[in-house]
PDB file of N, CA and C in Angstrom:
ATOM      1  N   MET A   1       0.811  -1.136  -0.004  1.00  0.00           N
ATOM      2  CA  MET A   1       0.016  -0.032  -0.021  1.00  0.00           C
ATOM      3  C   MET A   1       0.789   1.300   0.045  1.00  0.00           C
ATOM      4  N   ALA A   2       1.857   1.261  -0.741  1.00  0.00           N
ATOM      5  CA  ALA A   2       2.736   2.393  -0.849  1.00  0.00           C
ATOM      6  C   ALA A   2       1.965   3.672  -1.196  1.00  0.00           C
ATOM      7  N   GLY A   3       2.292   4.799  -0.625  1.00  0.00           N
ATOM      8  CA  GLY A   3       1.679   6.125  -0.909  1.00  0.00           C
ATOM      9  C   GLY A   3       0.337   6.165  -0.126  1.00  0.00           C
ATOM     10  N   THR A   4      -0.108   5.278   0.632  1.00  0.00           N
ATOM     11  CA  THR A   4      -1.501   5.462   1.272  1.00  0.00           C
ATOM     12  C   THR A   4      -1.215   6.031   2.619  1.00  0.00           C
ATOM     13  N   ALA A   5      -0.070   6.015   3.308  1.00  0.00           N
ATOM     14  CA  ALA A   5       0.157   6.589   4.642  1.00  0.00           C
ATOM     15  C   ALA A   5       1.134   7.750   4.597  1.00  0.00           C
ATOM     16  N   LEU A   6       0.834   8.625   5.375  1.00  0.00           N
ATOM     17  CA  LEU A   6       1.814   9.751   5.476  1.00  0.00           C
ATOM     18  C   LEU A   6       2.789   9.404   6.834  1.00  0.00           C
ATOM     19  N   ALA A   7       3.971   9.530   6.513  1.00  0.00           N
ATOM     20  CA  ALA A   7       4.894   9.123   7.485  1.00  0.00           C
ATOM     21  C   ALA A   7       4.859  10.237   8.670  1.00  0.00           C
ATOM     22  N   ALA A   8       5.168   9.813   9.770  1.00  0.00           N
ATOM     23  CA  ALA A   8       5.378  10.782  10.775  1.00  0.00           C
ATOM     24  C   ALA A   8       6.443  11.729  10.636  1.00  0.00           C
ATOM     25  N   THR A   9       6.193  12.979  10.946  1.00  0.00           N
ATOM     26  CA  THR A   9       7.169  14.060  10.568  1.00  0.00           C
ATOM     27  C   THR A   9       8.019  14.280  11.779  1.00  0.00           C
ATOM     28  N   ALA A  10       9.187  15.042  11.392  1.00  0.00           N
ATOM     29  CA  ALA A  10       9.998  15.274  12.590  1.00  0.00           C
ATOM     30  C   ALA A  10       9.367  16.087  13.622  1.00  0.00           C
ATOM     31  N   HIS A  11       8.386  16.877  13.334  1.00  0.00           N
ATOM     32  CA  HIS A  11       7.728  17.824  14.335  1.00  0.00           C
ATOM     33  C   HIS A  11       6.444  17.064  15.014  1.00  0.00           C
ATOM     34  N   ALA A  12       5.902  15.995  14.360  1.00  0.00           N
ATOM     35  CA  ALA A  12       4.880  15.208  15.053  1.00  0.00           C
ATOM     36  C   ALA A  12       5.231  13.741  14.986  1.00  0.00           C
ATOM     37  N   PRO A  13       6.270  13.353  15.568  1.00  0.00           N
ATOM     38  CA  PRO A  13       6.683  11.913  15.418  1.00  0.00           C
ATOM     39  C   PRO A  13       5.746  10.895  16.041  1.00  0.00           C
ATOM     40  N   SER A  14       4.925  11.224  16.921  1.00  0.00           N
ATOM     41  CA  SER A  14       3.967  10.335  17.568  1.00  0.00           C
ATOM     42  C   SER A  14       2.803   9.978  16.682  1.00  0.00           C
ATOM     43  N   PHE A  15       2.600  10.582  15.526  1.00  0.00           N
ATOM     44  CA  PHE A  15       1.422  10.477  14.772  1.00  0.00           C
ATOM     45  C   PHE A  15       1.683   9.699  13.612  1.00  0.00           C
ATOM     46  N   ALA A  16       0.771   8.889  13.029  1.00  0.00           N
ATOM     47  CA  ALA A  16       0.804   8.212  11.786  1.00  0.00           C
ATOM     48  C   ALA A  16      -0.522   8.292  11.123  1.00  0.00           C
ATOM     49  N   VAL A  17      -0.704   8.707   9.907  1.00  0.00           N
ATOM     50  CA  VAL A  17      -1.745   8.916   9.065  1.00  0.00           C
ATOM     51  C   VAL A  17      -1.888   7.779   8.022  1.00  0.00           C
ATOM     52  N   ASP A  18      -3.048   7.239   7.989  1.00  0.00           N
ATOM     53  CA  ASP A  18      -3.267   6.152   7.010  1.00  0.00           C
ATOM     54  C   ASP A  18      -4.412   6.823   6.196  1.00  0.00           C
ATOM     55  N   VAL A  19      -4.149   7.375   5.048  1.00  0.00           N
ATOM     56  CA  VAL A  19      -5.004   8.113   4.236  1.00  0.00           C
ATOM     57  C   VAL A  19      -6.036   7.372   3.629  1.00  0.00           C
ATOM     58  N   SER A  20      -5.545   6.004   3.031  1.00  0.00           N
ATOM     59  CA  SER A  20      -6.545   5.169   2.534  1.00  0.00           C
ATOM     60  C   SER A  20      -7.639   4.730   3.423  1.00  0.00           C
ATOM     61  N   ALA A  21      -7.239   4.475   4.649  1.00  0.00           N
ATOM     62  CA  ALA A  21      -8.307   4.048   5.641  1.00  0.00           C
ATOM     63  C   ALA A  21      -8.879   5.235   6.339  1.00  0.00           C
ATOM     64  N   GLN A  22      -8.472   6.307   6.119  1.00  0.00           N
ATOM     65  CA  GLN A  22      -8.812   7.526   6.892  1.00  0.00           C
ATOM     66  C   GLN A  22      -8.717   7.275   8.444  1.00  0.00           C
ATOM     67  N   ARG A  23      -7.362   6.948   8.901  1.00  0.00           N
ATOM     68  CA  ARG A  23      -7.283   6.626  10.228  1.00  0.00           C
ATOM     69  C   ARG A  23      -5.924   7.394  10.708  1.00  0.00           C
ATOM     70  N   ILE A  24      -5.953   7.722  11.944  1.00  0.00           N
ATOM     71  CA  ILE A  24      -4.749   8.534  12.478  1.00  0.00           C
ATOM     72  C   ILE A  24      -4.491   7.787  13.721  1.00  0.00           C
ATOM     73  N   THR A  25      -3.213   7.433  14.012  1.00  0.00           N
ATOM     74  CA  THR A  25      -2.776   6.794  15.271  1.00  0.00           C
ATOM     75  C   THR A  25      -1.852   7.795  16.014  1.00  0.00           C
ATOM     76  N   LEU A  26      -1.890   7.759  17.295  1.00  0.00           N
ATOM     77  CA  LEU A  26      -1.070   8.443  18.147  1.00  0.00           C
ATOM     78  C   LEU A  26      -0.317   7.520  19.048  1.00  0.00           C
ATOM     79  N   CYS A  27       1.074   7.519  19.092  1.00  0.00           N
ATOM     80  CA  CYS A  27       1.826   6.517  19.850  1.00  0.00           C
ATOM     81  C   CYS A  27       1.336   5.007  19.597  1.00  0.00           C
ATOM     82  N   GLY A  28       0.926   4.807  18.433  1.00  0.00           N
ATOM     83  CA  GLY A  28       0.438   3.361  18.037  1.00  0.00           C
ATOM     84  C   GLY A  28      -0.868   3.172  18.451  1.00  0.00           C
ATOM     85  N   MET A  29      -1.526   4.069  19.098  1.00  0.00           N
ATOM     86  CA  MET A  29      -3.034   3.929  19.432  1.00  0.00           C
ATOM     87  C   MET A  29      -3.938   4.578  18.418  1.00  0.00           C
ATOM     88  N   PRO A  30      -4.979   3.720  17.772  1.00  0.00           N
ATOM     89  CA  PRO A  30      -5.780   4.249  16.866  1.00  0.00           C
ATOM     90  C   PRO A  30      -6.753   5.341  17.628  1.00  0.00           C
ATOM     91  N   LEU A  31      -6.941   6.437  16.968  1.00  0.00           N
ATOM     92  CA  LEU A  31      -7.876   7.370  17.553  1.00  0.00           C
ATOM     93  C   LEU A  31      -9.201   7.165  16.925  1.00  0.00           C
ATOM     94  N   LYS A  32     -10.258   7.293  17.850  1.00  0.00           N
ATOM     95  CA  LYS A  32     -11.646   7.224  17.344  1.00  0.00           C
ATOM     96  C   LYS A  32     -12.073   8.654  17.096  1.00  0.00           C
ATOM     97  N   LEU A  33     -12.009   8.868  15.624  1.00  0.00           N
ATOM     98  CA  LEU A  33     -12.289  10.289  15.213  1.00  0.00           C
ATOM     99  C   LEU A  33     -13.487  10.281  14.302  1.00  0.00           C
ATOM    100  N   THR A  34     -14.333  11.416  14.438  1.00  0.00           N
ATOM    101  CA  THR A  34     -15.323  11.572  13.425  1.00  0.00           C
ATOM    102  C   THR A  34     -14.741  11.991  12.101  1.00  0.00           C
ATOM    103  N   ARG A  35     -15.492  12.033  11.081  1.00  0.00           N
ATOM    104  CA  ARG A  35     -15.007  12.436   9.814  1.00  0.00           C
ATOM    105  C   ARG A  35     -14.359  13.678   9.854  1.00  0.00           C
ATOM    106  N   ARG A  36     -15.039  14.745  10.445  1.00  0.00           N
ATOM    107  CA  ARG A  36     -14.534  16.173  10.608  1.00  0.00           C
ATOM    108  C   ARG A  36     -13.216  16.109  11.553  1.00  0.00           C
ATOM    109  N   GLU A  37     -13.307  15.568  12.543  1.00  0.00           N
ATOM    110  CA  GLU A  37     -12.055  15.408  13.434  1.00  0.00           C
ATOM    111  C   GLU A  37     -10.834  14.871  12.607  1.00  0.00           C
ATOM    112  N   TYR A  38     -11.048  13.840  11.852  1.00  0.00           N
ATOM    113  CA  TYR A  38      -9.980  13.219  11.133  1.00  0.00           C
ATOM    114  C   TYR A  38      -9.560  14.305  10.112  1.00  0.00           C
ATOM    115  N   LEU A  39     -10.406  15.056   9.406  1.00  0.00           N
ATOM    116  CA  LEU A  39     -10.074  16.046   8.392  1.00  0.00           C
ATOM    117  C   LEU A  39      -9.260  17.224   9.018  1.00  0.00           C
ATOM    118  N   LEU A  40      -9.729  17.591  10.203  1.00  0.00           N
ATOM    119  CA  LEU A  40      -8.965  18.743  10.960  1.00  0.00           C
ATOM    120  C   LEU A  40      -7.583  18.301  11.282  1.00  0.00           C
ATOM    121  N   LEU A  41      -7.503  17.108  11.948  1.00  0.00           N
ATOM    122  CA  LEU A  41      -6.165  16.713  12.388  1.00  0.00           C
ATOM    123  C   LEU A  41      -5.229  16.434  11.310  1.00  0.00           C
ATOM    124  N   LYS A  42      -5.787  15.785  10.201  1.00  0.00           N
ATOM    125  CA  LYS A  42      -4.879  15.426   9.058  1.00  0.00           C
ATOM    126  C   LYS A  42      -4.348  16.828   8.481  1.00  0.00           C
ATOM    127  N   THR A  43      -5.242  17.902   8.395  1.00  0.00           N
ATOM    128  CA  THR A  43      -4.860  19.078   7.787  1.00  0.00           C
ATOM    129  C   THR A  43      -3.623  19.712   8.727  1.00  0.00           C
ATOM    130  N   LEU A  44      -3.813  19.616  10.008  1.00  0.00           N
ATOM    131  CA  LEU A  44      -2.838  20.113  10.968  1.00  0.00           C
ATOM    132  C   LEU A  44      -1.555  19.416  10.794  1.00  0.00           C
ATOM    133  N   LEU A  45      -1.668  18.014  10.455  1.00  0.00           N
ATOM    134  CA  LEU A  45      -0.459  17.259  10.476  1.00  0.00           C
ATOM    135  C   LEU A  45       0.290  17.437   9.237  1.00  0.00           C
ATOM    136  N   VAL A  46      -0.312  17.860   8.093  1.00  0.00           N
ATOM    137  CA  VAL A  46       0.401  18.007   6.805  1.00  0.00           C
ATOM    138  C   VAL A  46       1.669  18.721   6.956  1.00  0.00           C
ATOM    139  N   LYS A  47       1.616  19.952   7.721  1.00  0.00           N
ATOM    140  CA  LYS A  47       2.742  20.771   8.005  1.00  0.00           C
ATOM    141  C   LYS A  47       2.540  21.215   9.430  1.00  0.00           C
ATOM    142  N   PRO A  48       3.166  20.456  10.285  1.00  0.00           N
ATOM    143  CA  PRO A  48       2.947  20.746  11.750  1.00  0.00           C
ATOM    144  C   PRO A  48       3.278  22.177  12.310  1.00  0.00           C
ATOM    145  N   GLN A  49       4.241  22.808  11.681  1.00  0.00           N
ATOM    146  CA  GLN A  49       4.543  24.212  12.169  1.00  0.00           C
ATOM    147  C   GLN A  49       3.686  25.242  11.590  1.00  0.00           C
ATOM    148  N   ARG A  50       2.955  24.866  10.444  1.00  0.00           N
ATOM    149  CA  ARG A  50       2.152  25.939   9.913  1.00  0.00           C
ATOM    150  C   ARG A  50       0.829  26.168  10.811  1.00  0.00           C
ATOM    151  N   ILE A  51       0.537  27.385  10.840  1.00  0.00           N
ATOM    152  CA  ILE A  51      -0.668  27.786  11.470  1.00  0.00           C
ATOM    153  C   ILE A  51      -1.797  27.702  10.556  1.00  0.00           C
ATOM    154  N   CYS A  52      -2.768  26.921  10.838  1.00  0.00           N
ATOM    155  CA  CYS A  52      -4.036  26.783   9.946  1.00  0.00           C
ATOM    156  C   CYS A  52      -5.051  27.825  10.465  1.00  0.00           C
ATOM    157  N   SER A  53      -5.474  28.600   9.734  1.00  0.00           N
ATOM    158  CA  SER A  53      -6.694  29.507  10.073  1.00  0.00           C
ATOM    159  C   SER A  53      -7.920  28.833  10.309  1.00  0.00           C
ATOM    160  N   ARG A  54      -8.826  29.298  11.211  1.00  0.00           N
ATOM    161  CA  ARG A  54     -10.060  28.676  11.305  1.00  0.00           C
ATOM    162  C   ARG A  54     -10.915  28.646  10.040  1.00  0.00           C
ATOM    163  N   GLU A  55     -10.647  29.628   9.057  1.00  0.00           N
ATOM    164  CA  GLU A  55     -11.313  29.562   7.798  1.00  0.00           C
ATOM    165  C   GLU A  55     -10.842  28.476   6.899  1.00  0.00           C
ATOM    166  N   LEU A  56      -9.584  28.264   7.056  1.00  0.00           N
ATOM    167  CA  LEU A  56      -8.955  27.125   6.291  1.00  0.00           C
ATOM    168  C   LEU A  56      -9.628  25.734   6.834  1.00  0.00           C
ATOM    169  N   LEU A  57      -9.526  25.631   8.067  1.00  0.00           N
ATOM    170  CA  LEU A  57     -10.074  24.368   8.642  1.00  0.00           C
ATOM    171  C   LEU A  57     -11.495  24.125   8.419  1.00  0.00           C
ATOM    172  N   LEU A  58     -12.335  25.321   8.517  1.00  0.00           N
ATOM    173  CA  LEU A  58     -13.689  25.146   8.190  1.00  0.00           C
ATOM    174  C   LEU A  58     -13.926  24.804   6.819  1.00  0.00           C
ATOM    175  N   ASP A  59     -13.201  25.162   5.794  1.00  0.00           N
ATOM    176  CA  ASP A  59     -13.242  24.922   4.405  1.00  0.00           C
ATOM    177  C   ASP A  59     -13.001  23.427   4.206  1.00  0.00           C
ATOM    178  N   VAL A  60     -11.846  22.977   4.827  1.00  0.00           N
ATOM    179  CA  VAL A  60     -11.353  21.628   4.748  1.00  0.00           C
ATOM    180  C   VAL A  60     -12.378  20.758   5.204  1.00  0.00           C
ATOM    181  N   ALA A  61     -12.911  20.807   6.415  1.00  0.00           N
ATOM    182  CA  ALA A  61     -13.600  19.987   6.985  1.00  0.00           C
ATOM    183  C   ALA A  61     -15.255  20.114   6.659  1.00  0.00           C
ATOM    184  N   TRP A  62     -15.650  21.162   6.339  1.00  0.00           N
ATOM    185  CA  TRP A  62     -17.086  21.303   6.008  1.00  0.00           C
ATOM    186  C   TRP A  62     -17.256  21.745   4.548  1.00  0.00           C
ATOM    187  N   GLY A  63     -16.483  22.269   3.992  1.00  0.00           N
ATOM    188  CA  GLY A  63     -16.534  22.599   2.481  1.00  0.00           C
ATOM    189  C   GLY A  63     -17.721  23.481   2.369  1.00  0.00           C
ATOM    190  N   THR A  64     -18.623  23.207   1.301  1.00  0.00           N
ATOM    191  CA  THR A  64     -19.733  24.053   0.967  1.00  0.00           C
ATOM    192  C   THR A  64     -20.915  23.815   1.962  1.00  0.00           C
ATOM    193  N   GLU A  65     -20.607  22.898   2.827  1.00  0.00           N
ATOM    194  CA  GLU A  65     -21.762  22.556   3.788  1.00  0.00           C
ATOM    195  C   GLU A  65     -21.700  23.542   4.992  1.00  0.00           C
ATOM    196  N   ALA A  66     -20.647  24.423   4.967  1.00  0.00           N
ATOM    197  CA  ALA A  66     -20.386  25.067   6.254  1.00  0.00           C
ATOM    198  C   ALA A  66     -21.569  26.175   6.374  1.00  0.00           C
ATOM    199  N   GLU A  67     -22.243  25.957   7.413  1.00  0.00           N
ATOM    200  CA  GLU A  67     -23.333  26.906   7.790  1.00  0.00           C
ATOM    201  C   GLU A  67     -22.948  27.706   9.109  1.00  0.00           C
ATOM    202  N   SER A  68     -22.032  27.172   9.646  1.00  0.00           N
ATOM    203  CA  SER A  68     -21.523  27.602  10.975  1.00  0.00           C
ATOM    204  C   SER A  68     -20.248  28.484  10.819  1.00  0.00           C
ATOM    205  N   GLY A  69     -19.756  28.903  11.780  1.00  0.00           N
ATOM    206  CA  GLY A  69     -18.514  29.906  11.824  1.00  0.00           C
ATOM    207  C   GLY A  69     -17.391  29.379  12.592  1.00  0.00           C
ATOM    208  N   ASP A  70     -16.513  30.193  13.030  1.00  0.00           N
ATOM    209  CA  ASP A  70     -15.329  29.843  13.635  1.00  0.00           C
ATOM    210  C   ASP A  70     -15.500  29.071  14.815  1.00  0.00           C
ATOM    211  N   ARG A  71     -16.594  29.246  15.602  1.00  0.00           N
ATOM    212  CA  ARG A  71     -16.811  28.544  16.813  1.00  0.00           C
ATOM    213  C   ARG A  71     -17.092  27.031  16.604  1.00  0.00           C
ATOM    214  N   THR A  72     -17.640  26.705  15.416  1.00  0.00           N
ATOM    215  CA  THR A  72     -17.743  25.302  15.110  1.00  0.00           C
ATOM    216  C   THR A  72     -16.387  24.646  15.092  1.00  0.00           C
ATOM    217  N   VAL A  73     -15.398  25.282  14.508  1.00  0.00           N
ATOM    218  CA  VAL A  73     -14.071  24.814  14.469  1.00  0.00           C
ATOM    219  C   VAL A  73     -13.555  24.587  15.805  1.00  0.00           C
ATOM    220  N   ASP A  74     -13.670  25.648  16.664  1.00  0.00           N
ATOM    221  CA  ASP A  74     -13.173  25.703  17.997  1.00  0.00           C
ATOM    222  C   ASP A  74     -13.649  24.505  18.948  1.00  0.00           C
ATOM    223  N   THR A  75     -15.114  24.287  18.700  1.00  0.00           N
ATOM    224  CA  THR A  75     -15.737  23.196  19.408  1.00  0.00           C
ATOM    225  C   THR A  75     -15.155  21.793  18.918  1.00  0.00           C
ATOM    226  N   HIS A  76     -14.881  21.615  17.636  1.00  0.00           N
ATOM    227  CA  HIS A  76     -14.344  20.300  17.303  1.00  0.00           C
ATOM    228  C   HIS A  76     -12.866  20.232  17.710  1.00  0.00           C
ATOM    229  N   ILE A  77     -12.137  21.305  17.729  1.00  0.00           N
ATOM    230  CA  ILE A  77     -10.694  21.327  18.232  1.00  0.00           C
ATOM    231  C   ILE A  77     -10.655  20.865  19.707  1.00  0.00           C
ATOM    232  N   LYS A  78     -11.716  21.418  20.539  1.00  0.00           N
ATOM    233  CA  LYS A  78     -11.836  21.070  21.914  1.00  0.00           C
ATOM    234  C   LYS A  78     -12.014  19.627  22.109  1.00  0.00           C
ATOM    235  N   THR A  79     -12.851  19.010  21.253  1.00  0.00           N
ATOM    236  CA  THR A  79     -13.190  17.595  21.381  1.00  0.00           C
ATOM    237  C   THR A  79     -11.841  16.766  20.948  1.00  0.00           C
ATOM    238  N   LEU A  80     -11.344  17.222  19.835  1.00  0.00           N
ATOM    239  CA  LEU A  80     -10.207  16.572  19.334  1.00  0.00           C
ATOM    240  C   LEU A  80      -9.030  16.488  20.404  1.00  0.00           C
ATOM    241  N   ARG A  81      -8.774  17.705  21.175  1.00  0.00           N
ATOM    242  CA  ARG A  81      -7.795  17.839  22.160  1.00  0.00           C
ATOM    243  C   ARG A  81      -8.171  16.802  23.132  1.00  0.00           C
ATOM    244  N   ALA A  82      -9.352  16.583  23.666  1.00  0.00           N
ATOM    245  CA  ALA A  82      -9.639  15.698  24.546  1.00  0.00           C
ATOM    246  C   ALA A  82      -9.267  14.213  24.248  1.00  0.00           C
ATOM    247  N   LYS A  83      -9.649  13.939  22.923  1.00  0.00           N
ATOM    248  CA  LYS A  83      -9.235  12.550  22.464  1.00  0.00           C
ATOM    249  C   LYS A  83      -7.646  12.389  22.460  1.00  0.00           C
ATOM    250  N   LEU A  84      -6.983  13.386  22.153  1.00  0.00           N
ATOM    251  CA  LEU A  84      -5.516  13.273  22.130  1.00  0.00           C
ATOM    252  C   LEU A  84      -4.954  13.033  23.529  1.00  0.00           C
ATOM    253  N   LYS A  85      -5.595  13.876  24.375  1.00  0.00           N
ATOM    254  CA  LYS A  85      -5.222  13.868  25.926  1.00  0.00           C
ATOM    255  C   LYS A  85      -5.466  12.528  26.655  1.00  0.00           C
ATOM    256  N   ALA A  86      -6.430  11.726  26.095  1.00  0.00           N
ATOM    257  CA  ALA A  86      -6.806  10.455  26.485  1.00  0.00           C
ATOM    258  C   ALA A  86      -5.498   9.490  26.151  1.00  0.00           C
ATOM    259  N   VAL A  87      -4.931   9.746  25.155  1.00  0.00           N
ATOM    260  CA  VAL A  87      -3.761   8.894  24.693  1.00  0.00           C
ATOM    261  C   VAL A  87      -2.469   9.472  25.421  1.00  0.00           C
ATOM    262  N   ARG A  88      -2.264  10.784  25.238  1.00  0.00           N
ATOM    263  CA  ARG A  88      -1.094  11.383  25.830  1.00  0.00           C
ATOM    264  C   ARG A  88      -1.458  12.577  26.772  1.00  0.00           C
ATOM    265  N   PRO A  89      -1.814  12.324  27.938  1.00  0.00           N
ATOM    266  CA  PRO A  89      -2.164  13.353  28.912  1.00  0.00           C
ATOM    267  C   PRO A  89      -1.043  14.323  29.432  1.00  0.00           C
ATOM    268  N   ASP A  90       0.236  13.964  29.074  1.00  0.00           N
ATOM    269  CA  ASP A  90       1.272  14.613  29.392  1.00  0.00           C
ATOM    270  C   ASP A  90       1.642  15.677  28.302  1.00  0.00           C
ATOM    271  N   LEU A  91       1.004  15.742  27.130  1.00  0.00           N
ATOM    272  CA  LEU A  91       1.295  16.626  26.051  1.00  0.00           C
ATOM    273  C   LEU A  91       0.068  17.555  25.708  1.00  0.00           C
ATOM    274  N   GLU A  92       0.417  18.786  25.345  1.00  0.00           N
ATOM    275  CA  GLU A  92      -0.672  19.672  24.609  1.00  0.00           C
ATOM    276  C   GLU A  92      -0.154  19.630  23.157  1.00  0.00           C
ATOM    277  N   LEU A  93      -0.868  18.804  22.319  1.00  0.00           N
ATOM    278  CA  LEU A  93      -0.472  18.544  21.037  1.00  0.00           C
ATOM    279  C   LEU A  93      -0.988  19.575  19.982  1.00  0.00           C
ATOM    280  N   ILE A  94      -2.147  20.277  20.358  1.00  0.00           N
ATOM    281  CA  ILE A  94      -2.610  21.290  19.429  1.00  0.00           C
ATOM    282  C   ILE A  94      -2.429  22.668  20.036  1.00  0.00           C
ATOM    283  N   GLU A  95      -1.886  23.540  19.398  1.00  0.00           N
ATOM    284  CA  GLU A  95      -1.507  24.908  20.089  1.00  0.00           C
ATOM    285  C   GLU A  95      -2.614  25.758  19.329  1.00  0.00           C
ATOM    286  N   THR A  96      -3.064  26.781  20.200  1.00  0.00           N
ATOM    287  CA  THR A  96      -3.945  27.864  19.785  1.00  0.00           C
ATOM    288  C   THR A  96      -3.062  29.031  19.459  1.00  0.00           C
ATOM    289  N   HIS A  97      -3.209  29.726  18.465  1.00  0.00           N
ATOM    290  CA  HIS A  97      -2.597  30.908  18.018  1.00  0.00           C
ATOM    291  C   HIS A  97      -3.660  32.015  17.996  1.00  0.00           C
ATOM    292  N   ARG A  98      -3.801  32.857  19.050  1.00  0.00           N
ATOM    293  CA  ARG A  98      -4.905  33.747  19.247  1.00  0.00           C
ATOM    294  C   ARG A  98      -4.957  34.604  17.979  1.00  0.00           C
ATOM    295  N   GLY A  99      -6.180  34.732  17.422  1.00  0.00           N
ATOM    296  CA  GLY A  99      -6.386  35.510  16.246  1.00  0.00           C
ATOM    297  C   GLY A  99      -5.886  34.978  14.890  1.00  0.00           C
ATOM    298  N   LEU A 100      -5.205  33.822  14.933  1.00  0.00           N
ATOM    299  CA  LEU A 100      -4.587  33.237  13.859  1.00  0.00           C
ATOM    300  C   LEU A 100      -5.187  31.850  13.459  1.00  0.00           C
ATOM    301  N   GLY A 101      -5.223  30.893  14.465  1.00  0.00           N
ATOM    302  CA  GLY A 101      -5.735  29.524  14.200  1.00  0.00           C
ATOM    303  C   GLY A 101      -5.029  28.554  15.149  1.00  0.00           C
ATOM    304  N   TYR A 102      -4.726  27.369  14.522  1.00  0.00           N
ATOM    305  CA  TYR A 102      -4.087  26.363  15.247  1.00  0.00           C
ATOM    306  C   TYR A 102      -3.063  25.767  14.514  1.00  0.00           C
ATOM    307  N   SER A 103      -2.217  24.996  15.377  1.00  0.00           N
ATOM    308  CA  SER A 103      -1.134  24.201  14.773  1.00  0.00           C
ATOM    309  C   SER A 103      -0.740  23.064  15.625  1.00  0.00           C
ATOM    310  N   ILE A 104      -0.130  22.075  15.137  1.00  0.00           N
ATOM    311  CA  ILE A 104       0.572  20.950  15.915  1.00  0.00           C
ATOM    312  C   ILE A 104       1.718  21.487  16.558  1.00  0.00           C
ATOM    313  N   ALA A 105       1.731  21.224  17.939  1.00  0.00           N
ATOM    314  CA  ALA A 105       2.871  21.577  18.728  1.00  0.00           C
ATOM    315  C   ALA A 105       4.144  21.006  18.140  1.00  0.00           C
ATOM    316  N   ALA A 106       5.199  21.867  18.304  1.00  0.00           N
ATOM    317  CA  ALA A 106       6.509  21.407  17.719  1.00  0.00           C
ATOM    318  C   ALA A 106       7.324  20.747  18.725  1.00  0.00           C
TER     319      ALA A 106
END
């Protein structure tokens, strides 16, 4: 299945993304993600040091279905953080950049 998985990056070594199965693991543990949580996390993992705006994340996860605003993204990020904390309670893996968006912690 070459080309179906994104390798863990230098900045997010604990994550593995299997694009074909739409699964993400953290420290070898599969995360139980909704479709939108998967899309949000995958987007953040593509370039861990890049700050993704709420608008970008809204567009990626909801596309033309987006009837909500920035707070929808915030709510899903909060839920996603809880799921990541369940696996790695010692780490804050998603950083908030006030007024800018979110990124994966370096």
